[in-house]
N, C-alpha and C. Protein backbone atom coordinates (compact mmCIF):
# COMPACT_ATOMS: atom_id res chain seq x y z
N MET A 1 151.32 -108.45 -307.95
CA MET A 1 150.59 -108.24 -306.71
C MET A 1 150.95 -109.29 -305.67
N LYS A 2 151.11 -110.57 -306.13
CA LYS A 2 151.48 -111.63 -305.20
C LYS A 2 152.82 -111.34 -304.54
N ARG A 3 153.80 -110.88 -305.35
CA ARG A 3 155.12 -110.56 -304.81
C ARG A 3 155.03 -109.46 -303.76
N PHE A 4 154.25 -108.44 -304.05
CA PHE A 4 154.08 -107.34 -303.11
C PHE A 4 153.51 -107.84 -301.79
N LEU A 5 152.45 -108.64 -301.85
CA LEU A 5 151.84 -109.15 -300.62
C LEU A 5 152.79 -110.08 -299.87
N ALA A 6 153.49 -110.93 -300.60
CA ALA A 6 154.43 -111.84 -299.96
C ALA A 6 155.53 -111.07 -299.24
N GLY A 7 156.05 -110.04 -299.90
CA GLY A 7 157.09 -109.22 -299.27
C GLY A 7 156.56 -108.43 -298.10
N TRP A 8 155.35 -107.90 -298.25
CA TRP A 8 154.74 -107.10 -297.20
C TRP A 8 154.41 -107.94 -295.98
N LEU A 9 153.95 -109.17 -296.18
CA LEU A 9 153.61 -110.06 -295.07
C LEU A 9 154.84 -110.63 -294.40
N ALA A 10 155.94 -110.73 -295.13
CA ALA A 10 157.15 -111.32 -294.56
C ALA A 10 157.67 -110.51 -293.39
N VAL A 11 157.59 -109.20 -293.46
CA VAL A 11 158.10 -108.36 -292.37
C VAL A 11 157.29 -108.54 -291.11
N PRO A 12 155.93 -108.35 -291.14
CA PRO A 12 155.19 -108.53 -289.90
C PRO A 12 155.27 -109.96 -289.37
N CYS A 13 155.24 -110.94 -290.27
CA CYS A 13 155.30 -112.33 -289.80
C CYS A 13 156.66 -112.64 -289.18
N GLY A 14 157.72 -112.10 -289.78
CA GLY A 14 159.05 -112.30 -289.20
C GLY A 14 159.15 -111.65 -287.84
N LEU A 15 158.59 -110.45 -287.72
CA LEU A 15 158.60 -109.78 -286.42
C LEU A 15 157.77 -110.53 -285.41
N MET A 16 156.61 -111.03 -285.84
CA MET A 16 155.74 -111.76 -284.93
C MET A 16 156.43 -113.02 -284.42
N SER A 17 157.09 -113.76 -285.30
CA SER A 17 157.77 -114.97 -284.85
C SER A 17 158.91 -114.63 -283.90
N MET A 18 159.55 -113.48 -284.10
CA MET A 18 160.63 -113.07 -283.20
C MET A 18 160.08 -112.88 -281.80
N PHE A 19 158.89 -112.25 -281.69
CA PHE A 19 158.32 -111.98 -280.38
C PHE A 19 157.75 -113.24 -279.74
N LEU A 20 157.21 -114.13 -280.54
CA LEU A 20 156.62 -115.34 -280.00
C LEU A 20 157.67 -116.38 -279.63
N LEU A 21 158.70 -116.49 -280.45
CA LEU A 21 159.69 -117.54 -280.25
C LEU A 21 160.95 -117.06 -279.56
N GLY A 22 161.17 -115.77 -279.52
CA GLY A 22 162.41 -115.24 -278.96
C GLY A 22 163.47 -115.17 -280.03
N CYS A 23 164.52 -114.45 -279.74
CA CYS A 23 165.60 -114.27 -280.71
C CYS A 23 166.83 -115.01 -280.24
N PRO A 24 167.57 -115.59 -281.16
CA PRO A 24 168.85 -116.14 -280.75
C PRO A 24 169.70 -115.01 -280.18
N GLY A 25 170.36 -115.24 -279.10
CA GLY A 25 171.21 -114.22 -278.50
C GLY A 25 170.51 -113.39 -277.45
N THR A 26 169.22 -113.64 -277.21
CA THR A 26 168.50 -112.88 -276.21
C THR A 26 168.81 -113.46 -274.83
N LEU A 27 169.05 -112.58 -273.89
CA LEU A 27 169.31 -113.03 -272.53
C LEU A 27 168.05 -113.56 -271.90
N ASP A 28 168.15 -114.59 -271.10
CA ASP A 28 167.03 -115.07 -270.33
C ASP A 28 166.69 -113.99 -269.32
N PRO A 29 165.42 -113.55 -269.22
CA PRO A 29 165.08 -112.46 -268.32
C PRO A 29 165.48 -112.73 -266.88
N GLY A 30 165.53 -113.98 -266.47
CA GLY A 30 165.91 -114.28 -265.10
C GLY A 30 167.41 -114.30 -264.88
N VAL A 31 168.18 -114.26 -265.94
CA VAL A 31 169.62 -114.41 -265.80
C VAL A 31 170.36 -113.11 -265.94
N GLY A 32 169.94 -112.26 -266.83
CA GLY A 32 170.81 -111.13 -267.09
C GLY A 32 170.12 -109.80 -267.18
N ALA A 33 170.12 -109.24 -268.35
CA ALA A 33 169.77 -107.84 -268.51
C ALA A 33 168.31 -107.60 -268.83
N GLY A 34 167.45 -108.50 -268.48
CA GLY A 34 166.04 -108.25 -268.67
C GLY A 34 165.59 -108.32 -270.11
N GLY A 35 166.20 -109.17 -270.91
CA GLY A 35 165.74 -109.38 -272.26
C GLY A 35 166.45 -108.58 -273.33
N MET A 36 167.46 -107.80 -273.02
CA MET A 36 168.18 -107.07 -274.05
C MET A 36 168.96 -108.07 -274.90
N MET A 37 169.26 -107.67 -276.11
CA MET A 37 170.00 -108.55 -276.99
C MET A 37 171.39 -108.78 -276.44
N GLY A 38 171.79 -110.03 -276.36
CA GLY A 38 173.11 -110.38 -275.87
C GLY A 38 174.07 -110.54 -277.02
N THR A 39 175.29 -110.89 -276.70
CA THR A 39 176.28 -111.12 -277.73
C THR A 39 176.89 -112.48 -277.51
N ASN A 40 177.55 -112.99 -278.52
CA ASN A 40 178.26 -114.26 -278.42
C ASN A 40 177.38 -115.37 -277.86
N ASP A 41 176.11 -115.42 -278.29
CA ASP A 41 175.19 -116.48 -277.87
C ASP A 41 175.11 -116.64 -276.36
N ASN A 42 175.07 -115.53 -275.65
CA ASN A 42 174.92 -115.54 -274.19
C ASN A 42 176.04 -116.27 -273.48
N CYS A 43 177.22 -116.19 -274.01
CA CYS A 43 178.36 -116.87 -273.41
C CYS A 43 178.60 -116.41 -271.97
N GLN A 44 178.17 -115.17 -271.63
CA GLN A 44 178.41 -114.66 -270.28
C GLN A 44 177.74 -115.53 -269.23
N VAL A 45 176.61 -116.14 -269.54
CA VAL A 45 175.92 -116.98 -268.58
C VAL A 45 176.84 -118.13 -268.17
N GLN A 46 177.44 -118.78 -269.16
CA GLN A 46 178.32 -119.91 -268.88
C GLN A 46 179.62 -119.47 -268.21
N VAL A 47 180.20 -118.36 -268.66
CA VAL A 47 181.46 -117.90 -268.06
C VAL A 47 181.23 -117.51 -266.60
N LEU A 48 180.19 -116.76 -266.32
CA LEU A 48 179.91 -116.36 -264.94
C LEU A 48 179.64 -117.58 -264.06
N LYS A 49 178.94 -118.54 -264.61
CA LYS A 49 178.64 -119.76 -263.86
C LYS A 49 179.93 -120.54 -263.57
N ASP A 50 180.69 -120.83 -264.62
CA ASP A 50 181.87 -121.68 -264.48
C ASP A 50 183.02 -121.02 -263.73
N LYS A 51 183.28 -119.77 -264.03
CA LYS A 51 184.47 -119.10 -263.49
C LYS A 51 184.22 -118.31 -262.21
N CYS A 52 182.98 -117.90 -261.97
CA CYS A 52 182.71 -117.01 -260.83
C CYS A 52 181.84 -117.66 -259.75
N ALA A 53 180.77 -118.31 -260.16
CA ALA A 53 179.83 -118.88 -259.19
C ALA A 53 180.23 -120.29 -258.75
N LEU A 54 180.52 -121.18 -259.71
CA LEU A 54 180.86 -122.55 -259.33
C LEU A 54 182.18 -122.64 -258.58
N ALA A 55 183.03 -121.66 -258.77
CA ALA A 55 184.29 -121.63 -258.03
C ALA A 55 184.01 -121.34 -256.56
N GLY A 56 182.77 -120.98 -256.25
CA GLY A 56 182.38 -120.74 -254.86
C GLY A 56 182.55 -119.30 -254.42
N CYS A 57 183.12 -118.48 -255.26
CA CYS A 57 183.41 -117.11 -254.84
C CYS A 57 182.19 -116.20 -254.91
N HIS A 58 181.52 -116.16 -256.04
CA HIS A 58 180.42 -115.21 -256.23
C HIS A 58 179.09 -115.94 -256.46
N ALA A 59 178.92 -117.05 -255.74
CA ALA A 59 177.66 -117.79 -255.80
C ALA A 59 176.65 -117.14 -254.87
N ALA A 60 175.38 -117.50 -255.06
CA ALA A 60 174.33 -116.99 -254.18
C ALA A 60 174.60 -117.48 -252.75
N GLY A 61 174.05 -116.81 -251.79
CA GLY A 61 174.25 -117.18 -250.39
C GLY A 61 175.14 -116.18 -249.72
N THR A 62 176.42 -116.49 -249.61
CA THR A 62 177.40 -115.58 -249.01
C THR A 62 178.52 -115.32 -250.00
N PRO A 63 178.25 -114.53 -251.04
CA PRO A 63 179.24 -114.29 -252.08
C PRO A 63 180.38 -113.39 -251.61
N ALA A 64 181.56 -113.63 -252.16
CA ALA A 64 182.73 -112.81 -251.86
C ALA A 64 182.45 -111.36 -252.21
N ALA A 65 182.88 -110.46 -251.35
CA ALA A 65 182.69 -109.01 -251.51
C ALA A 65 181.22 -108.64 -251.70
N GLY A 66 180.31 -109.54 -251.31
CA GLY A 66 178.88 -109.27 -251.42
C GLY A 66 178.36 -109.27 -252.86
N LEU A 67 179.14 -109.78 -253.80
CA LEU A 67 178.74 -109.76 -255.21
C LEU A 67 178.29 -111.15 -255.67
N ASP A 68 176.99 -111.31 -255.81
CA ASP A 68 176.36 -112.55 -256.28
C ASP A 68 176.27 -112.48 -257.80
N LEU A 69 177.01 -113.36 -258.48
CA LEU A 69 176.98 -113.43 -259.94
C LEU A 69 176.27 -114.69 -260.41
N GLN A 70 175.43 -115.26 -259.53
CA GLN A 70 174.73 -116.49 -259.86
C GLN A 70 173.21 -116.28 -259.95
N SER A 71 172.63 -115.55 -259.04
CA SER A 71 171.18 -115.37 -259.00
C SER A 71 170.69 -114.54 -260.18
N ALA A 72 169.38 -114.54 -260.36
CA ALA A 72 168.75 -113.79 -261.45
C ALA A 72 169.04 -112.29 -261.34
N ASP A 73 168.92 -111.60 -262.45
CA ASP A 73 169.06 -110.14 -262.53
C ASP A 73 170.44 -109.63 -262.11
N ILE A 74 171.46 -110.25 -262.64
CA ILE A 74 172.84 -109.87 -262.34
C ILE A 74 173.08 -108.39 -262.65
N ALA A 75 172.52 -107.92 -263.74
CA ALA A 75 172.75 -106.53 -264.16
C ALA A 75 172.36 -105.54 -263.07
N THR A 76 171.31 -105.84 -262.33
CA THR A 76 170.86 -104.91 -261.29
C THR A 76 171.87 -104.83 -260.14
N ARG A 77 172.73 -105.82 -260.02
CA ARG A 77 173.76 -105.79 -258.97
C ARG A 77 175.09 -105.25 -259.46
N LEU A 78 175.18 -104.97 -260.76
CA LEU A 78 176.43 -104.47 -261.33
C LEU A 78 176.37 -103.00 -261.73
N VAL A 79 175.37 -102.62 -262.50
CA VAL A 79 175.32 -101.28 -263.08
C VAL A 79 175.02 -100.23 -262.02
N ASP A 80 175.94 -99.27 -261.91
CA ASP A 80 175.84 -98.14 -260.97
C ASP A 80 175.83 -98.54 -259.50
N HIS A 81 176.36 -99.72 -259.20
CA HIS A 81 176.47 -100.14 -257.80
C HIS A 81 177.91 -100.01 -257.32
N ASP A 82 178.06 -99.51 -256.11
CA ASP A 82 179.39 -99.37 -255.50
C ASP A 82 179.90 -100.72 -255.06
N THR A 83 181.22 -100.82 -254.98
CA THR A 83 181.84 -102.05 -254.49
C THR A 83 181.60 -102.22 -253.00
N GLY A 84 181.26 -101.18 -252.32
CA GLY A 84 181.02 -101.26 -250.88
C GLY A 84 182.10 -100.54 -250.11
N ASP A 85 182.05 -100.72 -248.80
CA ASP A 85 183.04 -100.08 -247.94
C ASP A 85 184.32 -100.91 -247.92
N ALA A 86 185.26 -100.52 -247.12
CA ALA A 86 186.55 -101.21 -247.06
C ALA A 86 186.39 -102.68 -246.70
N ALA A 87 185.41 -103.02 -245.88
CA ALA A 87 185.21 -104.41 -245.47
C ALA A 87 184.70 -105.26 -246.65
N GLY A 88 183.74 -104.73 -247.41
CA GLY A 88 183.16 -105.50 -248.51
C GLY A 88 183.85 -105.26 -249.84
N GLY A 89 184.36 -104.07 -250.04
CA GLY A 89 184.95 -103.73 -251.34
C GLY A 89 186.46 -103.84 -251.38
N GLY A 90 187.08 -104.03 -250.24
CA GLY A 90 188.53 -104.16 -250.19
C GLY A 90 189.23 -102.94 -250.75
N GLN A 91 190.29 -103.17 -251.52
CA GLN A 91 191.08 -102.08 -252.10
C GLN A 91 190.29 -101.27 -253.12
N CYS A 92 189.18 -101.81 -253.59
CA CYS A 92 188.38 -101.13 -254.61
C CYS A 92 187.17 -100.42 -253.99
N SER A 93 187.15 -100.22 -252.69
CA SER A 93 185.97 -99.69 -252.03
C SER A 93 185.56 -98.32 -252.58
N GLY A 94 184.24 -98.16 -252.68
CA GLY A 94 183.68 -96.91 -253.14
C GLY A 94 183.67 -96.70 -254.64
N MET A 95 184.16 -97.66 -255.40
CA MET A 95 184.17 -97.56 -256.86
C MET A 95 182.94 -98.25 -257.42
N LYS A 96 182.54 -97.92 -258.63
CA LYS A 96 181.39 -98.54 -259.29
C LYS A 96 181.81 -99.87 -259.92
N LEU A 97 180.93 -100.88 -259.79
CA LEU A 97 181.18 -102.15 -260.45
C LEU A 97 181.10 -101.99 -261.96
N LEU A 98 180.03 -101.35 -262.44
CA LEU A 98 179.90 -100.95 -263.84
C LEU A 98 179.30 -99.56 -263.86
N ASN A 99 179.90 -98.67 -264.60
CA ASN A 99 179.42 -97.29 -264.70
C ASN A 99 178.32 -97.20 -265.75
N GLY A 100 177.09 -96.94 -265.29
CA GLY A 100 175.96 -96.81 -266.21
C GLY A 100 176.18 -95.64 -267.17
N GLY A 101 175.74 -95.81 -268.40
CA GLY A 101 175.87 -94.76 -269.40
C GLY A 101 177.23 -94.71 -270.06
N ALA A 102 178.13 -95.60 -269.69
CA ALA A 102 179.47 -95.61 -270.28
C ALA A 102 179.49 -96.54 -271.50
N SER A 103 180.10 -96.07 -272.56
CA SER A 103 180.26 -96.90 -273.74
C SER A 103 181.62 -96.60 -274.35
N PRO A 104 182.57 -97.52 -274.24
CA PRO A 104 182.45 -98.88 -273.74
C PRO A 104 182.34 -98.92 -272.21
N ALA A 105 181.95 -100.09 -271.73
CA ALA A 105 181.75 -100.29 -270.30
C ALA A 105 183.04 -100.07 -269.52
N THR A 106 182.90 -99.43 -268.37
CA THR A 106 184.02 -99.22 -267.45
C THR A 106 183.57 -99.56 -266.04
N GLY A 107 184.53 -99.80 -265.18
CA GLY A 107 184.24 -100.08 -263.78
C GLY A 107 185.08 -101.23 -263.27
N VAL A 108 184.94 -101.53 -262.00
CA VAL A 108 185.73 -102.56 -261.35
C VAL A 108 185.51 -103.93 -261.99
N PHE A 109 184.27 -104.24 -262.39
CA PHE A 109 183.99 -105.53 -263.02
C PHE A 109 184.88 -105.72 -264.26
N ILE A 110 184.96 -104.70 -265.10
CA ILE A 110 185.79 -104.77 -266.31
C ILE A 110 187.27 -104.81 -265.93
N ASP A 111 187.67 -103.94 -265.01
CA ASP A 111 189.08 -103.89 -264.60
C ASP A 111 189.56 -105.23 -264.07
N LYS A 112 188.73 -105.88 -263.26
CA LYS A 112 189.14 -107.14 -262.63
C LYS A 112 189.39 -108.25 -263.64
N ILE A 113 188.69 -108.20 -264.79
CA ILE A 113 188.88 -109.27 -265.79
C ILE A 113 189.86 -108.88 -266.88
N THR A 114 190.28 -107.61 -266.89
CA THR A 114 191.25 -107.19 -267.91
C THR A 114 192.56 -106.79 -267.26
N THR A 115 192.65 -105.58 -266.75
CA THR A 115 193.86 -105.08 -266.09
C THR A 115 193.46 -104.41 -264.78
N PRO A 116 193.54 -105.12 -263.67
CA PRO A 116 193.08 -104.57 -262.39
C PRO A 116 193.83 -103.30 -261.99
N VAL A 117 193.05 -102.29 -261.58
CA VAL A 117 193.64 -101.07 -261.03
C VAL A 117 193.63 -101.12 -259.51
N CYS A 118 192.92 -102.09 -258.96
CA CYS A 118 192.88 -102.30 -257.52
C CYS A 118 192.62 -103.78 -257.25
N GLY A 119 193.18 -104.28 -256.20
CA GLY A 119 192.95 -105.67 -255.84
C GLY A 119 193.54 -106.65 -256.84
N SER A 120 193.09 -107.90 -256.72
CA SER A 120 193.61 -108.99 -257.56
C SER A 120 192.78 -109.18 -258.81
N PRO A 121 193.42 -109.71 -259.87
CA PRO A 121 192.66 -110.02 -261.07
C PRO A 121 191.68 -111.17 -260.79
N MET A 122 190.62 -111.23 -261.56
CA MET A 122 189.62 -112.29 -261.40
C MET A 122 189.61 -113.15 -262.64
N PRO A 123 189.33 -114.42 -262.46
CA PRO A 123 189.04 -115.11 -261.22
C PRO A 123 190.31 -115.41 -260.43
N LEU A 124 190.17 -115.41 -259.11
CA LEU A 124 191.32 -115.71 -258.25
C LEU A 124 191.82 -117.13 -258.53
N GLY A 125 193.11 -117.28 -258.63
CA GLY A 125 193.71 -118.60 -258.83
C GLY A 125 193.42 -119.21 -260.19
N GLY A 126 192.86 -118.46 -261.09
CA GLY A 126 192.54 -118.97 -262.42
C GLY A 126 192.74 -117.89 -263.45
N SER A 127 192.23 -118.12 -264.60
CA SER A 127 192.34 -117.11 -265.64
C SER A 127 191.18 -117.27 -266.62
N LEU A 128 190.99 -116.23 -267.39
CA LEU A 128 189.99 -116.25 -268.45
C LEU A 128 190.72 -116.25 -269.79
N THR A 129 190.16 -116.95 -270.73
CA THR A 129 190.73 -116.92 -272.08
C THR A 129 190.40 -115.56 -272.70
N ALA A 130 191.06 -115.25 -273.79
CA ALA A 130 190.77 -114.00 -274.51
C ALA A 130 189.30 -113.98 -274.94
N ALA A 131 188.78 -115.11 -275.38
CA ALA A 131 187.38 -115.19 -275.82
C ALA A 131 186.43 -114.95 -274.65
N GLN A 132 186.75 -115.47 -273.47
CA GLN A 132 185.91 -115.26 -272.29
C GLN A 132 185.93 -113.80 -271.86
N LYS A 133 187.10 -113.17 -271.93
CA LYS A 133 187.19 -111.74 -271.59
C LYS A 133 186.36 -110.91 -272.56
N THR A 134 186.47 -111.23 -273.85
CA THR A 134 185.70 -110.52 -274.87
C THR A 134 184.21 -110.72 -274.63
N CYS A 135 183.82 -111.93 -274.32
CA CYS A 135 182.43 -112.24 -274.04
C CYS A 135 181.90 -111.36 -272.91
N LEU A 136 182.61 -111.31 -271.80
CA LEU A 136 182.15 -110.53 -270.64
C LEU A 136 182.17 -109.03 -270.91
N THR A 137 183.17 -108.54 -271.60
CA THR A 137 183.21 -107.10 -271.88
C THR A 137 182.13 -106.71 -272.89
N ASP A 138 181.88 -107.56 -273.89
CA ASP A 138 180.80 -107.29 -274.84
C ASP A 138 179.45 -107.26 -274.12
N TRP A 139 179.24 -108.21 -273.24
CA TRP A 139 178.00 -108.27 -272.46
C TRP A 139 177.87 -107.02 -271.57
N ALA A 140 178.95 -106.65 -270.89
CA ALA A 140 178.92 -105.46 -270.04
C ALA A 140 178.60 -104.21 -270.87
N ASN A 141 179.10 -104.16 -272.10
CA ASN A 141 178.80 -103.03 -272.98
C ASN A 141 177.30 -102.91 -273.24
N THR A 142 176.60 -104.05 -273.36
CA THR A 142 175.15 -103.99 -273.58
C THR A 142 174.43 -103.48 -272.33
N LEU A 143 175.02 -103.68 -271.17
CA LEU A 143 174.38 -103.25 -269.91
C LEU A 143 174.58 -101.77 -269.64
N THR A 144 175.70 -101.22 -270.08
CA THR A 144 176.04 -99.84 -269.71
C THR A 144 175.83 -98.83 -270.82
N ALA A 145 175.62 -99.31 -272.04
CA ALA A 145 175.47 -98.37 -273.16
C ALA A 145 174.30 -97.43 -272.89
N PRO A 146 174.45 -96.15 -273.24
CA PRO A 146 173.34 -95.22 -273.07
C PRO A 146 172.12 -95.71 -273.82
N ALA A 147 170.93 -95.50 -273.26
CA ALA A 147 169.69 -95.99 -273.85
C ALA A 147 169.54 -95.56 -275.30
N ALA A 148 169.89 -94.34 -275.63
CA ALA A 148 169.76 -93.86 -277.01
C ALA A 148 170.69 -94.64 -277.94
N PHE A 149 171.80 -95.12 -277.42
CA PHE A 149 172.77 -95.86 -278.21
C PHE A 149 172.23 -97.24 -278.60
N ILE A 150 171.55 -97.90 -277.68
CA ILE A 150 171.08 -99.25 -277.97
C ILE A 150 169.60 -99.30 -278.33
N GLY A 151 168.92 -98.16 -278.23
CA GLY A 151 167.54 -98.12 -278.67
C GLY A 151 166.52 -98.56 -277.63
N GLU A 152 166.91 -98.78 -276.40
CA GLU A 152 165.95 -99.13 -275.37
C GLU A 152 166.49 -98.72 -274.00
N ASP A 153 165.62 -98.68 -273.03
CA ASP A 153 166.02 -98.29 -271.68
C ASP A 153 166.76 -99.42 -270.99
N ARG A 154 167.70 -99.04 -270.13
CA ARG A 154 168.38 -100.03 -269.28
C ARG A 154 167.41 -100.49 -268.23
N PRO A 155 167.56 -101.74 -267.75
CA PRO A 155 166.67 -102.22 -266.69
C PRO A 155 166.93 -101.47 -265.39
């Protein structure tokens, strides 16, 4: 009986601690996808900060091409958003930054860090390591995956 109770209590207690303490790999609600499970220990936060925002290109304020990759809720500015008109979107104007419901993730954001189909590769004047590219594409996959695929609604 003791074993049964110990095993039975372990599940609710483990779940309770997950909700009270948070899970490793969970995105900070102010930074990314509103609490969805992240990958690679939230490496995207550091990559976006170091390679996109601190470089001065996509920081808050007056970001290049109107894309702020520094402020909270980045996902809301990526998923199903157009690159803008010719002035703001350049050669990629009218295309989606990330196509919602796509698995794997597709869109200009992915193209720019892997194999650009329009414009220049990102980051300008620099490069991403294979691990950084994987980090960003894995993260983008969590943002665009259909809700039924990941078990919860997109923000």
